[in-house]
Amino acid sequence: MTGKIWLIPILILVLIGAGLVWYWHYQNKPVEIYEKAGSINQIAIEGVVFEVELATTPQERAKGLADRKELCDQCGMLFIFDKKDYHSFWMRNTLIPLDIIWLDEDWQVVDFIAWAQPQGARSLSDLPVYQPKKMAQFVLEVPGGTTKRIQNFKVGTRAKIN
């Protein structure tokens, strides 16, 4: 029995390491922001403030801005996801052009698409799918052409939530 007593410290170190990995994964900023999602109503990019609707559930995210006939210049929809991923978007039943902006857990722009065009009721197999080059935690949809109008907007720009 005394020959295997050295296994106890190793087991304790493994458990501590697993606990630290769990803490780092579940206690980071995206989870905190996700839990407080109901309080986000504005997002600012390079000083331009947008009033945002939130899409936090799978149903809200699937619907997005579909069937909207208009969207004010300073309005948008903020999609909040549980975790970072290559979150894909399409424009099914979308009637207005949109800019799609992918943001990381620190609210930094990691990719964007300008002027994604309405697709109406095209079949699923005919729809273009937009996917970021890097993983994102959040996605902001704003009226088409917005990213061109925001001075100094680029990948790396940081958004601020209000």
C-alpha atoms as a PDB file:
ATOM      1  CA  MET A   1       0.000   0.000   0.000  1.00  0.00           C
ATOM      2  CA  THR A   2       2.796   2.463   0.815  1.00  0.00           C
ATOM      3  CA  GLY A   3       4.229   1.947  -2.682  1.00  0.00           C
ATOM      4  CA  LYS A   4       1.145   3.575  -4.245  1.00  0.00           C
ATOM      5  CA  ILE A   5       0.793   6.519  -1.862  1.00  0.00           C
ATOM      6  CA  TRP A   6       2.452   8.784  -4.463  1.00  0.00           C
ATOM      7  CA  LEU A   7      -0.703   8.443  -6.610  1.00  0.00           C
ATOM      8  CA  ILE A   8      -2.716  10.572  -4.162  1.00  0.00           C
ATOM      9  CA  PRO A   9      -0.844  13.857  -4.874  1.00  0.00           C
ATOM     10  CA  ILE A  10      -1.060  13.203  -8.618  1.00  0.00           C
ATOM     11  CA  LEU A  11      -4.795  12.566  -8.367  1.00  0.00           C
ATOM     12  CA  ILE A  12      -5.236  15.777  -6.372  1.00  0.00           C
ATOM     13  CA  LEU A  13      -3.282  17.760  -9.006  1.00  0.00           C
ATOM     14  CA  VAL A  14      -5.415  16.272 -11.799  1.00  0.00           C
ATOM     15  CA  LEU A  15      -8.615  17.237  -9.957  1.00  0.00           C
ATOM     16  CA  ILE A  16      -7.341  20.768  -9.326  1.00  0.00           C
ATOM     17  CA  GLY A  17      -6.396  21.097 -13.016  1.00  0.00           C
ATOM     18  CA  ALA A  18      -9.836  19.901 -14.115  1.00  0.00           C
ATOM     19  CA  GLY A  19     -11.434  22.397 -11.731  1.00  0.00           C
ATOM     20  CA  LEU A  20      -9.354  25.246 -13.146  1.00  0.00           C
ATOM     21  CA  VAL A  21     -10.281  24.310 -16.712  1.00  0.00           C
ATOM     22  CA  TRP A  22     -13.970  24.228 -15.739  1.00  0.00           C
ATOM     23  CA  TYR A  23     -13.706  27.589 -13.976  1.00  0.00           C
ATOM     24  CA  TRP A  24     -11.946  29.229 -16.936  1.00  0.00           C
ATOM     25  CA  HIS A  25     -14.461  27.824 -19.432  1.00  0.00           C
ATOM     26  CA  TYR A  26     -17.649  28.683 -17.546  1.00  0.00           C
ATOM     27  CA  GLN A  27     -16.673  31.856 -15.710  1.00  0.00           C
ATOM     28  CA  ASN A  28     -15.489  33.989 -18.629  1.00  0.00           C
ATOM     29  CA  LYS A  29     -17.065  37.219 -19.924  1.00  0.00           C
ATOM     30  CA  PRO A  30     -19.352  35.725 -22.604  1.00  0.00           C
ATOM     31  CA  VAL A  31     -21.254  33.695 -20.019  1.00  0.00           C
ATOM     32  CA  GLU A  32     -21.659  36.749 -17.774  1.00  0.00           C
ATOM     33  CA  ILE A  33     -22.920  38.838 -20.668  1.00  0.00           C
ATOM     34  CA  TYR A  34     -25.210  36.054 -21.846  1.00  0.00           C
ATOM     35  CA  GLU A  35     -26.803  35.889 -18.405  1.00  0.00           C
ATOM     36  CA  LYS A  36     -27.345  39.671 -18.447  1.00  0.00           C
ATOM     37  CA  ALA A  37     -28.605  39.698 -22.042  1.00  0.00           C
ATOM     38  CA  GLY A  38     -31.944  41.180 -21.082  1.00  0.00           C
ATOM     39  CA  SER A  39     -30.246  44.430 -20.067  1.00  0.00           C
ATOM     40  CA  ILE A  40     -28.532  45.068 -23.435  1.00  0.00           C
ATOM     41  CA  ASN A  41     -30.494  47.553 -25.519  1.00  0.00           C
ATOM     42  CA  GLN A  42     -27.786  49.504 -27.337  1.00  0.00           C
ATOM     43  CA  ILE A  43     -24.484  48.757 -28.997  1.00  0.00           C
ATOM     44  CA  ALA A  44     -22.029  51.400 -30.234  1.00  0.00           C
ATOM     45  CA  ILE A  45     -19.467  50.964 -32.997  1.00  0.00           C
ATOM     46  CA  GLU A  46     -16.994  53.809 -33.587  1.00  0.00           C
ATOM     47  CA  GLY A  47     -19.393  56.153 -31.799  1.00  0.00           C
ATOM     48  CA  VAL A  48     -22.448  55.142 -33.842  1.00  0.00           C
ATOM     49  CA  VAL A  49     -25.152  53.895 -31.473  1.00  0.00           C
ATOM     50  CA  PHE A  50     -27.663  51.249 -32.510  1.00  0.00           C
ATOM     51  CA  GLU A  51     -30.879  50.356 -30.700  1.00  0.00           C
ATOM     52  CA  VAL A  52     -30.888  46.552 -30.742  1.00  0.00           C
ATOM     53  CA  GLU A  53     -33.426  43.823 -30.384  1.00  0.00           C
ATOM     54  CA  LEU A  54     -32.000  40.668 -28.845  1.00  0.00           C
ATOM     55  CA  ALA A  55     -32.105  37.172 -30.290  1.00  0.00           C
ATOM     56  CA  THR A  56     -31.099  34.827 -27.461  1.00  0.00           C
ATOM     57  CA  THR A  57     -33.186  31.683 -28.002  1.00  0.00           C
ATOM     58  CA  PRO A  58     -32.832  29.260 -30.913  1.00  0.00           C
ATOM     59  CA  GLN A  59     -36.288  30.314 -32.137  1.00  0.00           C
ATOM     60  CA  GLU A  60     -35.443  34.036 -32.022  1.00  0.00           C
ATOM     61  CA  ARG A  61     -32.116  33.428 -33.756  1.00  0.00           C
ATOM     62  CA  ALA A  62     -33.768  31.327 -36.493  1.00  0.00           C
ATOM     63  CA  LYS A  63     -36.374  34.049 -37.177  1.00  0.00           C
ATOM     64  CA  GLY A  64     -33.909  36.948 -36.992  1.00  0.00           C
ATOM     65  CA  LEU A  65     -35.016  39.887 -39.119  1.00  0.00           C
ATOM     66  CA  ALA A  66     -37.030  37.779 -41.578  1.00  0.00           C
ATOM     67  CA  ASP A  67     -40.255  39.282 -42.934  1.00  0.00           C
ATOM     68  CA  ARG A  68     -39.254  42.841 -41.948  1.00  0.00           C
ATOM     69  CA  LYS A  69     -40.062  45.417 -44.613  1.00  0.00           C
ATOM     70  CA  GLU A  70     -37.842  48.083 -43.049  1.00  0.00           C
ATOM     71  CA  LEU A  71     -35.218  48.666 -40.385  1.00  0.00           C
ATOM     72  CA  CYS A  72     -34.287  52.146 -39.168  1.00  0.00           C
ATOM     73  CA  ASP A  73     -30.739  53.349 -39.850  1.00  0.00           C
ATOM     74  CA  GLN A  74     -29.807  53.148 -36.159  1.00  0.00           C
ATOM     75  CA  CYS A  75     -31.536  49.814 -35.447  1.00  0.00           C
ATOM     76  CA  GLY A  76     -30.318  46.248 -35.462  1.00  0.00           C
ATOM     77  CA  MET A  77     -30.572  42.793 -34.002  1.00  0.00           C
ATOM     78  CA  LEU A  78     -27.943  41.330 -31.677  1.00  0.00           C
ATOM     79  CA  PHE A  79     -27.676  37.549 -31.718  1.00  0.00           C
ATOM     80  CA  ILE A  80     -26.258  36.172 -28.480  1.00  0.00           C
ATOM     81  CA  PHE A  81     -24.868  32.640 -28.516  1.00  0.00           C
ATOM     82  CA  ASP A  82     -23.922  30.321 -25.657  1.00  0.00           C
ATOM     83  CA  LYS A  83     -20.410  29.841 -26.995  1.00  0.00           C
ATOM     84  CA  LYS A  84     -17.977  30.921 -29.663  1.00  0.00           C
ATOM     85  CA  ASP A  85     -18.364  29.183 -32.995  1.00  0.00           C
ATOM     86  CA  TYR A  86     -18.484  29.783 -36.740  1.00  0.00           C
ATOM     87  CA  HIS A  87     -22.113  30.936 -36.539  1.00  0.00           C
ATOM     88  CA  SER A  88     -23.620  30.810 -40.032  1.00  0.00           C
ATOM     89  CA  PHE A  89     -26.388  33.062 -41.330  1.00  0.00           C
ATOM     90  CA  TRP A  90     -28.676  33.094 -44.325  1.00  0.00           C
ATOM     91  CA  MET A  91     -31.217  35.557 -45.636  1.00  0.00           C
ATOM     92  CA  ARG A  92     -34.253  33.272 -45.958  1.00  0.00           C
ATOM     93  CA  ASN A  93     -37.480  35.280 -46.034  1.00  0.00           C
ATOM     94  CA  THR A  94     -35.445  38.438 -45.481  1.00  0.00           C
ATOM     95  CA  LEU A  95     -36.872  41.371 -47.387  1.00  0.00           C
ATOM     96  CA  ILE A  96     -34.194  44.034 -46.790  1.00  0.00           C
ATOM     97  CA  PRO A  97     -30.406  44.084 -47.364  1.00  0.00           C
ATOM     98  CA  LEU A  98     -28.345  43.688 -44.199  1.00  0.00           C
ATOM     99  CA  ASP A  99     -24.762  43.956 -42.985  1.00  0.00           C
ATOM    100  CA  ILE A 100     -23.778  41.009 -40.791  1.00  0.00           C
ATOM    101  CA  ILE A 101     -21.082  41.682 -38.194  1.00  0.00           C
ATOM    102  CA  TRP A 102     -19.468  38.865 -36.181  1.00  0.00           C
ATOM    103  CA  LEU A 103     -18.028  39.838 -32.775  1.00  0.00           C
ATOM    104  CA  ASP A 104     -15.828  37.824 -30.415  1.00  0.00           C
ATOM    105  CA  GLU A 105     -16.272  37.492 -26.653  1.00  0.00           C
ATOM    106  CA  ASP A 106     -14.485  40.828 -26.158  1.00  0.00           C
ATOM    107  CA  TRP A 107     -16.876  42.592 -28.586  1.00  0.00           C
ATOM    108  CA  GLN A 108     -14.199  42.913 -31.255  1.00  0.00           C
ATOM    109  CA  VAL A 109     -15.219  42.590 -34.921  1.00  0.00           C
ATOM    110  CA  VAL A 110     -13.773  39.342 -36.296  1.00  0.00           C
ATOM    111  CA  ASP A 111     -15.540  39.435 -39.679  1.00  0.00           C
ATOM    112  CA  PHE A 112     -18.408  41.078 -41.535  1.00  0.00           C
ATOM    113  CA  ILE A 113     -20.454  40.900 -44.706  1.00  0.00           C
ATOM    114  CA  ALA A 114     -21.707  44.119 -46.290  1.00  0.00           C
ATOM    115  CA  TRP A 115     -24.910  44.265 -48.295  1.00  0.00           C
ATOM    116  CA  ALA A 116     -26.157  40.697 -47.846  1.00  0.00           C
ATOM    117  CA  GLN A 117     -29.072  40.740 -50.256  1.00  0.00           C
ATOM    118  CA  PRO A 118     -32.700  39.767 -49.588  1.00  0.00           C
ATOM    119  CA  GLN A 119     -33.519  36.228 -50.607  1.00  0.00           C
ATOM    120  CA  GLY A 120     -37.295  36.252 -50.254  1.00  0.00           C
ATOM    121  CA  ALA A 121     -38.686  32.730 -50.247  1.00  0.00           C
ATOM    122  CA  ARG A 122     -35.923  30.957 -52.180  1.00  0.00           C
ATOM    123  CA  SER A 123     -35.562  27.267 -51.458  1.00  0.00           C
ATOM    124  CA  LEU A 124     -33.087  26.247 -48.771  1.00  0.00           C
ATOM    125  CA  SER A 125     -30.762  24.635 -51.305  1.00  0.00           C
ATOM    126  CA  ASP A 126     -30.522  27.904 -53.254  1.00  0.00           C
ATOM    127  CA  LEU A 127     -29.708  30.173 -50.312  1.00  0.00           C
ATOM    128  CA  PRO A 128     -26.199  31.573 -49.869  1.00  0.00           C
ATOM    129  CA  VAL A 129     -24.824  30.889 -46.389  1.00  0.00           C
ATOM    130  CA  TYR A 130     -22.618  33.498 -44.728  1.00  0.00           C
ATOM    131  CA  GLN A 131     -19.998  32.270 -42.273  1.00  0.00           C
ATOM    132  CA  PRO A 132     -17.197  34.181 -40.532  1.00  0.00           C
ATOM    133  CA  LYS A 133     -13.514  33.454 -41.040  1.00  0.00           C
ATOM    134  CA  LYS A 134     -13.014  33.378 -37.261  1.00  0.00           C
ATOM    135  CA  MET A 135     -15.165  32.142 -34.409  1.00  0.00           C
ATOM    136  CA  ALA A 136     -17.586  34.621 -32.874  1.00  0.00           C
ATOM    137  CA  GLN A 137     -19.741  34.837 -29.733  1.00  0.00           C
ATOM    138  CA  PHE A 138     -22.147  37.526 -30.956  1.00  0.00           C
ATOM    139  CA  VAL A 139     -23.556  38.641 -34.297  1.00  0.00           C
ATOM    140  CA  LEU A 140     -25.009  42.037 -35.081  1.00  0.00           C
ATOM    141  CA  GLU A 141     -27.296  42.594 -38.069  1.00  0.00           C
ATOM    142  CA  VAL A 142     -27.784  46.196 -39.181  1.00  0.00           C
ATOM    143  CA  PRO A 143     -29.195  47.837 -42.337  1.00  0.00           C
ATOM    144  CA  GLY A 144     -27.281  47.133 -45.542  1.00  0.00           C
ATOM    145  CA  GLY A 145     -24.464  49.596 -46.161  1.00  0.00           C
ATOM    146  CA  THR A 146     -23.985  50.499 -42.494  1.00  0.00           C
ATOM    147  CA  THR A 147     -20.413  49.181 -42.292  1.00  0.00           C
ATOM    148  CA  LYS A 148     -19.454  51.407 -45.242  1.00  0.00           C
ATOM    149  CA  ARG A 149     -20.950  54.465 -43.518  1.00  0.00           C
ATOM    150  CA  ILE A 150     -19.202  53.960 -40.153  1.00  0.00           C
ATOM    151  CA  GLN A 151     -15.923  55.836 -40.288  1.00  0.00           C
ATOM    152  CA  ASN A 152     -12.890  53.618 -39.472  1.00  0.00           C
ATOM    153  CA  PHE A 153     -14.991  50.420 -39.350  1.00  0.00           C
ATOM    154  CA  LYS A 154     -12.886  47.310 -39.984  1.00  0.00           C
ATOM    155  CA  VAL A 155     -12.031  43.888 -38.617  1.00  0.00           C
ATOM    156  CA  GLY A 156     -10.567  44.619 -35.191  1.00  0.00           C
ATOM    157  CA  THR A 157     -12.977  47.463 -34.402  1.00  0.00           C
ATOM    158  CA  ARG A 158     -14.374  47.098 -30.884  1.00  0.00           C
ATOM    159  CA  ALA A 159     -18.073  47.528 -30.108  1.00  0.00           C
ATOM    160  CA  LYS A 160     -19.395  48.762 -26.771  1.00  0.00           C
ATOM    161  CA  ILE A 161     -22.610  47.593 -25.194  1.00  0.00           C
ATOM    162  CA  ASN A 162     -24.949  49.840 -23.227  1.00  0.00           C
END
